């Protein structure tokens, strides 16, 4: 019961390359279906000297259940223009979690677990969030990678947990 993370080169040159390509394509399709980004337009007033373009990388993981997963992650560690208040995201404390579990047990209620696929991407960015991305080269027609404006939160961004919490 473990998770394995591999590089793109290892994934695409290995014996399971077809499964990795399917996972890669699925991630791109899901992001496009959720309208996660759009091409940069004149209305964006994009200024290369002022606006940051963050690269997007794909993290390839083989889950414990055997599923192949490719996750698009923005390199938010390169973000320079973000306020500290936008990074904070409250979470439940151990004490509060324990109270919920004890209450459920006292009432003979069932506590279940669930997963929301692409959770962060399901939260929209604020209109004042001006985040531009450079998509991976193999996802774009431009050899340097397409440049797009992000419309939804993406894993790796400093503001992503807060946007998801607000959603």
N, C-alpha and C. Protein backbone atom coordinates (compact mmCIF):
# COMPACT_ATOMS: atom_id res chain seq x y z
N UNK A 1 0.84 -1.18 0.00
CA UNK A 1 0.00 0.00 0.00
C UNK A 1 0.88 1.24 0.00
N UNK A 2 1.21 1.72 -1.18
CA UNK A 2 2.07 2.89 -1.33
C UNK A 2 1.72 3.62 -2.61
N UNK A 3 2.23 4.82 -2.72
CA UNK A 3 2.01 5.64 -3.90
C UNK A 3 3.36 5.87 -4.56
N UNK A 4 3.41 5.81 -5.89
CA UNK A 4 4.65 6.01 -6.63
C UNK A 4 4.50 7.23 -7.51
N UNK A 5 5.47 8.13 -7.45
CA UNK A 5 5.49 9.29 -8.32
C UNK A 5 6.67 9.15 -9.27
N UNK A 6 6.43 9.39 -10.55
CA UNK A 6 7.49 9.25 -11.55
C UNK A 6 7.60 10.54 -12.36
N UNK A 7 8.73 10.71 -13.03
CA UNK A 7 8.93 11.87 -13.90
C UNK A 7 8.21 11.61 -15.23
N UNK A 8 8.03 12.66 -16.01
CA UNK A 8 7.40 12.51 -17.32
C UNK A 8 8.21 11.57 -18.20
N UNK A 9 9.52 11.70 -18.16
CA UNK A 9 10.38 10.86 -18.99
C UNK A 9 10.21 9.38 -18.61
N UNK A 10 10.22 9.09 -17.31
CA UNK A 10 10.03 7.71 -16.85
C UNK A 10 8.66 7.18 -17.26
N UNK A 11 7.65 8.03 -17.14
CA UNK A 11 6.29 7.62 -17.47
C UNK A 11 6.13 7.31 -18.95
N UNK A 12 6.67 8.17 -19.81
CA UNK A 12 6.45 8.03 -21.24
C UNK A 12 7.38 7.03 -21.92
N UNK A 13 8.47 6.69 -21.26
CA UNK A 13 9.40 5.73 -21.86
C UNK A 13 9.27 4.34 -21.24
N UNK A 14 8.47 4.21 -20.21
CA UNK A 14 8.33 2.94 -19.52
C UNK A 14 7.32 2.02 -20.20
N UNK A 15 7.19 0.82 -19.67
CA UNK A 15 6.27 -0.17 -20.26
C UNK A 15 4.79 0.20 -20.11
N UNK A 16 4.48 1.10 -19.19
CA UNK A 16 3.08 1.48 -18.96
C UNK A 16 2.78 2.86 -19.54
N UNK A 17 3.51 3.24 -20.58
CA UNK A 17 3.39 4.59 -21.15
C UNK A 17 1.98 4.89 -21.67
N UNK A 18 1.28 3.88 -22.18
CA UNK A 18 -0.09 4.10 -22.70
C UNK A 18 -1.01 4.54 -21.56
N UNK A 19 -0.89 3.91 -20.41
CA UNK A 19 -1.73 4.28 -19.26
C UNK A 19 -1.40 5.69 -18.77
N UNK A 20 -0.12 6.05 -18.79
CA UNK A 20 0.27 7.40 -18.38
C UNK A 20 -0.25 8.44 -19.37
N UNK A 21 -0.21 8.12 -20.66
CA UNK A 21 -0.73 9.06 -21.67
C UNK A 21 -2.24 9.25 -21.49
N UNK A 22 -2.95 8.16 -21.19
CA UNK A 22 -4.39 8.27 -20.94
C UNK A 22 -4.67 9.16 -19.73
N UNK A 23 -3.89 9.00 -18.67
CA UNK A 23 -4.06 9.82 -17.47
C UNK A 23 -3.76 11.29 -17.79
N UNK A 24 -2.74 11.53 -18.59
CA UNK A 24 -2.36 12.89 -19.01
C UNK A 24 -3.50 13.52 -19.82
N UNK A 25 -4.03 12.78 -20.79
CA UNK A 25 -5.13 13.27 -21.62
C UNK A 25 -6.38 13.54 -20.79
N UNK A 26 -6.67 12.65 -19.83
CA UNK A 26 -7.84 12.82 -18.98
C UNK A 26 -7.73 14.10 -18.15
N UNK A 27 -6.56 14.37 -17.60
CA UNK A 27 -6.36 15.59 -16.81
C UNK A 27 -6.59 16.83 -17.67
N UNK A 28 -6.05 16.83 -18.87
CA UNK A 28 -6.24 17.99 -19.76
C UNK A 28 -7.72 18.16 -20.12
N UNK A 29 -8.40 17.06 -20.45
CA UNK A 29 -9.82 17.13 -20.80
C UNK A 29 -10.67 17.64 -19.64
N UNK A 30 -10.37 17.18 -18.43
CA UNK A 30 -11.13 17.63 -17.26
C UNK A 30 -10.94 19.13 -17.03
N UNK A 31 -9.72 19.61 -17.16
CA UNK A 31 -9.45 21.04 -16.97
C UNK A 31 -10.13 21.87 -18.05
N UNK A 32 -10.09 21.39 -19.28
CA UNK A 32 -10.75 22.12 -20.37
C UNK A 32 -12.27 22.10 -20.20
N UNK A 33 -12.82 20.99 -19.73
CA UNK A 33 -14.27 20.89 -19.52
C UNK A 33 -14.73 21.84 -18.42
N UNK A 34 -13.89 22.09 -17.44
CA UNK A 34 -14.22 23.01 -16.35
C UNK A 34 -13.86 24.46 -16.69
N UNK A 35 -13.42 24.71 -17.92
CA UNK A 35 -13.01 26.05 -18.35
C UNK A 35 -12.03 26.67 -17.36
N UNK A 36 -10.96 25.94 -17.10
CA UNK A 36 -9.97 26.39 -16.12
C UNK A 36 -9.15 27.58 -16.61
N UNK A 37 -9.04 27.75 -17.93
CA UNK A 37 -8.26 28.85 -18.49
C UNK A 37 -8.81 29.27 -19.82
N UNK A 38 -8.30 30.39 -20.32
CA UNK A 38 -8.62 30.84 -21.67
C UNK A 38 -7.40 31.55 -22.23
N UNK A 39 -7.30 31.65 -23.55
CA UNK A 39 -6.16 32.37 -24.13
C UNK A 39 -6.13 33.82 -23.64
N UNK A 40 -4.96 34.39 -23.58
CA UNK A 40 -4.82 35.78 -23.16
C UNK A 40 -5.44 36.67 -24.24
N UNK A 41 -6.31 37.58 -23.81
CA UNK A 41 -7.00 38.49 -24.73
C UNK A 41 -6.55 39.92 -24.49
N UNK A 42 -6.92 40.81 -25.42
CA UNK A 42 -6.58 42.22 -25.26
C UNK A 42 -7.21 42.81 -24.00
N UNK A 43 -8.41 42.33 -23.64
CA UNK A 43 -9.11 42.86 -22.47
C UNK A 43 -8.39 42.54 -21.16
N UNK A 44 -7.45 41.57 -21.19
CA UNK A 44 -6.71 41.20 -19.99
C UNK A 44 -5.67 42.26 -19.61
N UNK A 45 -5.33 43.11 -20.58
CA UNK A 45 -4.30 44.13 -20.36
C UNK A 45 -3.04 43.50 -19.78
N UNK A 46 -2.62 42.43 -20.42
CA UNK A 46 -1.43 41.70 -19.99
C UNK A 46 -0.19 42.55 -20.21
N UNK A 47 0.60 42.74 -19.18
CA UNK A 47 1.83 43.51 -19.23
C UNK A 47 2.99 42.59 -18.84
N UNK A 48 3.81 42.17 -19.81
CA UNK A 48 4.90 41.22 -19.50
C UNK A 48 5.87 41.72 -18.44
N UNK A 49 6.03 43.05 -18.33
CA UNK A 49 6.97 43.56 -17.34
C UNK A 49 6.38 43.53 -15.93
N UNK A 50 5.06 43.44 -15.82
CA UNK A 50 4.40 43.49 -14.52
C UNK A 50 3.74 42.17 -14.12
N UNK A 51 3.19 41.44 -15.07
CA UNK A 51 2.46 40.21 -14.77
C UNK A 51 3.37 38.99 -14.83
N UNK A 52 3.14 38.08 -13.90
CA UNK A 52 3.91 36.84 -13.84
C UNK A 52 3.26 35.77 -14.71
N UNK A 53 4.07 34.94 -15.31
CA UNK A 53 3.57 33.76 -16.01
C UNK A 53 4.17 32.56 -15.29
N UNK A 54 3.30 31.79 -14.66
CA UNK A 54 3.75 30.62 -13.91
C UNK A 54 3.73 29.39 -14.79
N UNK A 55 4.77 28.59 -14.75
CA UNK A 55 4.74 27.34 -15.51
C UNK A 55 3.84 26.30 -14.85
N UNK A 56 3.27 25.44 -15.67
CA UNK A 56 2.46 24.32 -15.18
C UNK A 56 3.25 23.05 -15.47
N UNK A 57 3.35 22.20 -14.47
CA UNK A 57 4.00 20.91 -14.63
C UNK A 57 2.98 19.82 -14.34
N UNK A 58 3.25 18.64 -14.81
CA UNK A 58 2.38 17.50 -14.53
C UNK A 58 3.09 16.57 -13.57
N UNK A 59 2.37 16.17 -12.53
CA UNK A 59 2.88 15.22 -11.55
C UNK A 59 2.21 13.89 -11.85
N UNK A 60 3.02 12.89 -12.16
CA UNK A 60 2.51 11.56 -12.50
C UNK A 60 2.62 10.66 -11.28
N UNK A 61 1.47 10.12 -10.85
CA UNK A 61 1.42 9.31 -9.64
C UNK A 61 0.64 8.04 -9.90
N UNK A 62 1.18 6.95 -9.41
CA UNK A 62 0.44 5.69 -9.43
C UNK A 62 -0.09 5.48 -8.02
N UNK A 63 -1.40 5.48 -7.89
CA UNK A 63 -2.05 5.41 -6.58
C UNK A 63 -1.95 4.00 -5.99
N UNK A 64 -2.27 3.91 -4.71
CA UNK A 64 -2.24 2.61 -4.01
C UNK A 64 -3.17 1.61 -4.66
N UNK A 65 -4.29 2.10 -5.20
CA UNK A 65 -5.28 1.21 -5.81
C UNK A 65 -4.85 0.75 -7.21
N UNK A 66 -3.73 1.29 -7.72
CA UNK A 66 -3.24 0.92 -9.04
C UNK A 66 -3.60 1.91 -10.13
N UNK A 67 -4.40 2.92 -9.80
CA UNK A 67 -4.82 3.93 -10.77
C UNK A 67 -3.65 4.84 -11.15
N UNK A 68 -3.60 5.20 -12.43
CA UNK A 68 -2.58 6.11 -12.93
C UNK A 68 -3.17 7.52 -12.94
N UNK A 69 -2.49 8.48 -12.33
CA UNK A 69 -3.03 9.83 -12.19
C UNK A 69 -1.98 10.85 -12.65
N UNK A 70 -2.43 11.77 -13.49
CA UNK A 70 -1.59 12.91 -13.88
C UNK A 70 -2.29 14.15 -13.33
N UNK A 71 -1.58 14.97 -12.59
CA UNK A 71 -2.16 16.16 -11.99
C UNK A 71 -1.39 17.39 -12.47
N UNK A 72 -2.12 18.33 -13.07
CA UNK A 72 -1.51 19.60 -13.49
C UNK A 72 -1.34 20.48 -12.26
N UNK A 73 -0.13 20.96 -12.05
CA UNK A 73 0.19 21.76 -10.88
C UNK A 73 0.91 23.03 -11.33
N UNK A 74 0.39 24.18 -10.89
CA UNK A 74 1.06 25.45 -11.16
C UNK A 74 2.21 25.59 -10.17
N UNK A 75 3.32 26.12 -10.64
CA UNK A 75 4.46 26.32 -9.75
C UNK A 75 4.27 27.61 -8.96
N UNK A 76 3.36 27.53 -7.99
CA UNK A 76 3.03 28.68 -7.16
C UNK A 76 4.17 29.13 -6.28
N UNK A 77 5.16 28.28 -6.08
CA UNK A 77 6.32 28.69 -5.30
C UNK A 77 7.10 29.81 -5.99
N UNK A 78 6.82 30.05 -7.28
CA UNK A 78 7.46 31.14 -8.01
C UNK A 78 6.64 32.43 -7.94
N UNK A 79 5.43 32.36 -7.35
CA UNK A 79 4.59 33.55 -7.25
C UNK A 79 5.22 34.57 -6.32
N UNK A 80 5.28 35.80 -6.78
CA UNK A 80 5.82 36.87 -5.95
C UNK A 80 4.74 37.84 -5.51
N UNK A 81 3.71 38.00 -6.31
CA UNK A 81 2.67 38.98 -6.03
C UNK A 81 1.44 38.31 -5.42
N UNK A 82 1.46 38.12 -4.12
CA UNK A 82 0.31 37.58 -3.42
C UNK A 82 0.34 38.08 -1.99
N UNK A 83 -0.83 38.34 -1.42
CA UNK A 83 -0.87 38.84 -0.05
C UNK A 83 -0.98 37.68 0.92
N UNK A 84 -0.48 37.87 2.12
CA UNK A 84 -0.50 36.81 3.13
C UNK A 84 -1.93 36.40 3.48
N UNK A 85 -2.87 37.34 3.45
CA UNK A 85 -4.26 37.02 3.81
C UNK A 85 -4.91 36.10 2.78
N UNK A 86 -4.41 36.07 1.58
CA UNK A 86 -4.98 35.21 0.54
C UNK A 86 -4.46 33.78 0.62
N UNK A 87 -3.40 33.57 1.40
CA UNK A 87 -2.80 32.23 1.49
C UNK A 87 -3.48 31.41 2.59
N UNK A 88 -3.87 32.05 3.66
CA UNK A 88 -4.44 31.36 4.82
C UNK A 88 -5.73 30.64 4.46
N UNK A 89 -5.84 29.40 4.90
CA UNK A 89 -7.06 28.64 4.71
C UNK A 89 -7.36 27.86 5.99
N UNK A 90 -8.46 28.17 6.66
CA UNK A 90 -8.76 27.48 7.91
C UNK A 90 -9.06 26.00 7.67
N UNK A 91 -8.67 25.19 8.60
CA UNK A 91 -8.97 23.76 8.55
C UNK A 91 -9.56 23.35 9.90
N UNK A 92 -10.13 22.17 9.94
CA UNK A 92 -10.72 21.70 11.19
C UNK A 92 -9.61 21.25 12.13
N UNK A 93 -9.76 21.56 13.41
CA UNK A 93 -8.76 21.16 14.39
C UNK A 93 -9.00 19.71 14.80
N UNK A 94 -8.00 19.11 15.43
CA UNK A 94 -8.16 17.74 15.90
C UNK A 94 -9.26 17.66 16.96
N UNK A 95 -9.33 18.69 17.78
CA UNK A 95 -10.35 18.73 18.83
C UNK A 95 -11.75 18.77 18.21
N UNK A 96 -11.96 19.63 17.22
CA UNK A 96 -13.27 19.73 16.57
C UNK A 96 -13.61 18.43 15.83
N UNK A 97 -12.63 17.83 15.20
CA UNK A 97 -12.83 16.56 14.51
C UNK A 97 -13.27 15.48 15.50
N UNK A 98 -12.63 15.45 16.64
CA UNK A 98 -12.98 14.46 17.67
C UNK A 98 -14.41 14.67 18.17
N UNK A 99 -14.81 15.93 18.38
CA UNK A 99 -16.17 16.24 18.83
C UNK A 99 -17.19 15.73 17.80
N UNK A 100 -16.92 15.95 16.52
CA UNK A 100 -17.83 15.47 15.47
C UNK A 100 -17.95 13.95 15.49
N UNK A 101 -16.82 13.25 15.65
CA UNK A 101 -16.84 11.79 15.66
C UNK A 101 -17.54 11.24 16.91
N UNK A 102 -17.30 11.85 18.07
CA UNK A 102 -17.95 11.41 19.30
C UNK A 102 -19.46 11.64 19.20
N UNK A 103 -19.86 12.79 18.67
CA UNK A 103 -21.28 13.09 18.50
C UNK A 103 -21.95 12.09 17.55
N UNK A 104 -21.26 11.79 16.45
CA UNK A 104 -21.82 10.82 15.49
C UNK A 104 -21.96 9.43 16.14
N UNK A 105 -20.96 9.04 16.95
CA UNK A 105 -21.02 7.74 17.61
C UNK A 105 -22.15 7.71 18.64
N UNK A 106 -22.33 8.81 19.36
CA UNK A 106 -23.38 8.88 20.38
C UNK A 106 -24.77 8.79 19.75
N UNK A 107 -24.91 9.26 18.54
CA UNK A 107 -26.20 9.23 17.84
C UNK A 107 -26.33 8.02 16.91
N UNK A 108 -25.35 7.13 16.95
CA UNK A 108 -25.31 5.94 16.08
C UNK A 108 -25.38 6.32 14.60
N UNK A 109 -24.70 7.39 14.24
CA UNK A 109 -24.66 7.83 12.85
C UNK A 109 -23.40 7.30 12.17
N UNK A 110 -23.51 7.12 10.88
CA UNK A 110 -22.39 6.65 10.07
C UNK A 110 -21.60 7.86 9.55
N UNK A 111 -20.30 7.80 9.70
CA UNK A 111 -19.43 8.85 9.18
C UNK A 111 -18.70 8.28 7.97
N UNK A 112 -18.93 8.87 6.82
CA UNK A 112 -18.31 8.37 5.60
C UNK A 112 -17.28 9.34 5.05
N UNK A 113 -16.46 8.84 4.20
CA UNK A 113 -15.42 9.64 3.55
C UNK A 113 -15.75 9.76 2.08
N UNK A 114 -15.42 10.88 1.48
CA UNK A 114 -15.63 11.03 0.04
C UNK A 114 -14.52 11.91 -0.53
N UNK A 115 -14.38 11.85 -1.82
CA UNK A 115 -13.34 12.60 -2.50
C UNK A 115 -14.00 13.43 -3.60
N UNK A 116 -13.57 14.65 -3.76
CA UNK A 116 -14.06 15.50 -4.83
C UNK A 116 -12.96 15.60 -5.86
N UNK A 117 -13.21 15.07 -7.03
CA UNK A 117 -12.21 15.08 -8.09
C UNK A 117 -11.92 16.50 -8.53
N UNK A 118 -10.64 16.84 -8.62
CA UNK A 118 -10.20 18.18 -9.02
C UNK A 118 -10.86 19.26 -8.16
N UNK A 119 -10.80 19.10 -6.85
CA UNK A 119 -11.49 19.99 -5.92
C UNK A 119 -11.09 21.45 -6.12
N UNK A 120 -9.81 21.75 -6.12
CA UNK A 120 -9.39 23.15 -6.22
C UNK A 120 -9.86 23.78 -7.52
N UNK A 121 -9.88 23.01 -8.59
CA UNK A 121 -10.25 23.55 -9.90
C UNK A 121 -11.74 23.92 -9.94
N UNK A 122 -12.52 23.38 -9.06
CA UNK A 122 -13.95 23.68 -9.02
C UNK A 122 -14.25 25.03 -8.37
N UNK A 123 -13.23 25.68 -7.85
CA UNK A 123 -13.41 27.02 -7.28
C UNK A 123 -12.88 28.07 -8.25
N UNK A 124 -13.66 29.12 -8.43
CA UNK A 124 -13.29 30.19 -9.36
C UNK A 124 -12.35 31.18 -8.69
N UNK A 125 -11.54 31.81 -9.51
CA UNK A 125 -10.68 32.88 -9.02
C UNK A 125 -11.47 34.18 -8.98
N UNK A 126 -11.05 35.10 -8.16
CA UNK A 126 -11.66 36.42 -8.13
C UNK A 126 -11.26 37.17 -9.40
N UNK A 127 -12.07 38.15 -9.78
CA UNK A 127 -11.76 38.91 -11.00
C UNK A 127 -10.45 39.67 -10.87
N UNK A 128 -10.07 40.06 -9.65
CA UNK A 128 -8.80 40.78 -9.48
C UNK A 128 -7.59 39.86 -9.45
N UNK A 129 -7.82 38.55 -9.37
CA UNK A 129 -6.71 37.59 -9.47
C UNK A 129 -6.24 37.56 -10.92
N UNK A 130 -5.06 38.04 -11.14
CA UNK A 130 -4.50 38.05 -12.51
C UNK A 130 -3.36 37.03 -12.54
N UNK A 131 -3.74 35.80 -12.83
CA UNK A 131 -2.76 34.72 -12.85
C UNK A 131 -2.67 34.19 -14.27
N UNK A 132 -1.47 34.22 -14.81
CA UNK A 132 -1.22 33.73 -16.16
C UNK A 132 -0.32 32.50 -16.07
N UNK A 133 -0.59 31.55 -16.95
CA UNK A 133 0.14 30.28 -16.93
C UNK A 133 0.78 30.01 -18.28
N UNK A 134 1.82 29.21 -18.24
CA UNK A 134 2.41 28.64 -19.45
C UNK A 134 2.16 27.14 -19.36
N UNK A 135 1.31 26.66 -20.28
CA UNK A 135 0.94 25.24 -20.28
C UNK A 135 2.13 24.38 -20.69
N UNK A 136 2.12 23.11 -20.30
CA UNK A 136 3.20 22.21 -20.72
C UNK A 136 3.32 22.15 -22.24
N UNK A 137 4.52 21.96 -22.72
CA UNK A 137 4.78 21.98 -24.17
C UNK A 137 3.96 20.93 -24.91
N UNK A 138 3.78 19.76 -24.32
CA UNK A 138 3.04 18.71 -25.03
C UNK A 138 1.53 18.96 -25.02
N UNK A 139 1.05 19.99 -24.33
CA UNK A 139 -0.36 20.36 -24.32
C UNK A 139 -0.65 21.51 -25.27
N UNK A 140 0.35 22.06 -25.90
CA UNK A 140 0.14 23.28 -26.68
C UNK A 140 0.72 23.18 -28.08
N UNK A 141 0.29 24.13 -28.91
CA UNK A 141 0.80 24.19 -30.27
C UNK A 141 2.08 25.01 -30.34
N UNK A 142 2.29 25.90 -29.38
CA UNK A 142 3.49 26.72 -29.31
C UNK A 142 4.62 25.90 -28.70
N UNK A 143 5.79 25.83 -29.34
CA UNK A 143 6.90 25.03 -28.79
C UNK A 143 7.33 25.48 -27.39
N UNK A 144 7.11 26.75 -27.06
CA UNK A 144 7.47 27.25 -25.74
C UNK A 144 6.35 27.00 -24.72
N UNK A 145 5.18 26.60 -25.18
CA UNK A 145 4.03 26.39 -24.30
C UNK A 145 3.06 27.56 -24.41
N UNK A 146 1.77 27.24 -24.59
CA UNK A 146 0.76 28.29 -24.71
C UNK A 146 0.66 29.09 -23.42
N UNK A 147 0.44 30.38 -23.57
CA UNK A 147 0.23 31.25 -22.43
C UNK A 147 -1.27 31.53 -22.32
N UNK A 148 -1.81 31.34 -21.10
CA UNK A 148 -3.24 31.46 -20.89
C UNK A 148 -3.51 32.23 -19.60
N UNK A 149 -4.75 32.73 -19.48
CA UNK A 149 -5.18 33.36 -18.23
C UNK A 149 -5.98 32.33 -17.45
N UNK A 150 -5.64 32.16 -16.21
CA UNK A 150 -6.31 31.18 -15.37
C UNK A 150 -7.63 31.75 -14.86
N UNK A 151 -8.70 30.98 -14.99
CA UNK A 151 -10.03 31.39 -14.55
C UNK A 151 -10.46 30.66 -13.28
N UNK A 152 -9.87 29.51 -13.05
CA UNK A 152 -10.20 28.71 -11.88
C UNK A 152 -8.93 28.41 -11.10
N UNK A 153 -9.11 28.09 -9.86
CA UNK A 153 -7.96 27.79 -9.02
C UNK A 153 -7.28 26.51 -9.51
N UNK A 154 -6.00 26.40 -9.26
CA UNK A 154 -5.25 25.23 -9.72
C UNK A 154 -4.32 24.81 -8.60
N UNK A 155 -4.10 23.52 -8.47
CA UNK A 155 -3.19 23.01 -7.45
C UNK A 155 -1.83 23.69 -7.60
N UNK A 156 -1.23 24.01 -6.47
CA UNK A 156 0.08 24.63 -6.47
C UNK A 156 0.06 26.13 -6.25
N UNK A 157 -1.06 26.78 -6.56
CA UNK A 157 -1.15 28.22 -6.35
C UNK A 157 -1.27 28.52 -4.86
N UNK A 158 -0.70 29.64 -4.45
CA UNK A 158 -0.76 30.01 -3.04
C UNK A 158 -2.19 30.30 -2.59
N UNK A 159 -3.01 30.81 -3.50
CA UNK A 159 -4.38 31.19 -3.13
C UNK A 159 -5.37 30.03 -3.29
N UNK A 160 -4.96 28.90 -3.82
CA UNK A 160 -5.88 27.79 -4.13
C UNK A 160 -6.62 27.26 -2.91
N UNK A 161 -5.96 26.99 -1.77
CA UNK A 161 -6.72 26.47 -0.63
C UNK A 161 -7.78 27.47 -0.14
N UNK A 162 -7.46 28.75 -0.16
CA UNK A 162 -8.40 29.76 0.30
C UNK A 162 -9.61 29.84 -0.64
N UNK A 163 -9.37 29.79 -1.95
CA UNK A 163 -10.48 29.84 -2.92
C UNK A 163 -11.39 28.62 -2.73
N UNK A 164 -10.80 27.45 -2.51
CA UNK A 164 -11.59 26.25 -2.31
C UNK A 164 -12.41 26.36 -1.02
N UNK A 165 -11.79 26.86 0.05
CA UNK A 165 -12.49 27.03 1.32
C UNK A 165 -13.68 27.98 1.15
N UNK A 166 -13.49 29.07 0.41
CA UNK A 166 -14.57 30.03 0.19
C UNK A 166 -15.69 29.42 -0.67
N UNK A 167 -15.33 28.51 -1.56
CA UNK A 167 -16.33 27.86 -2.41
C UNK A 167 -17.16 26.90 -1.60
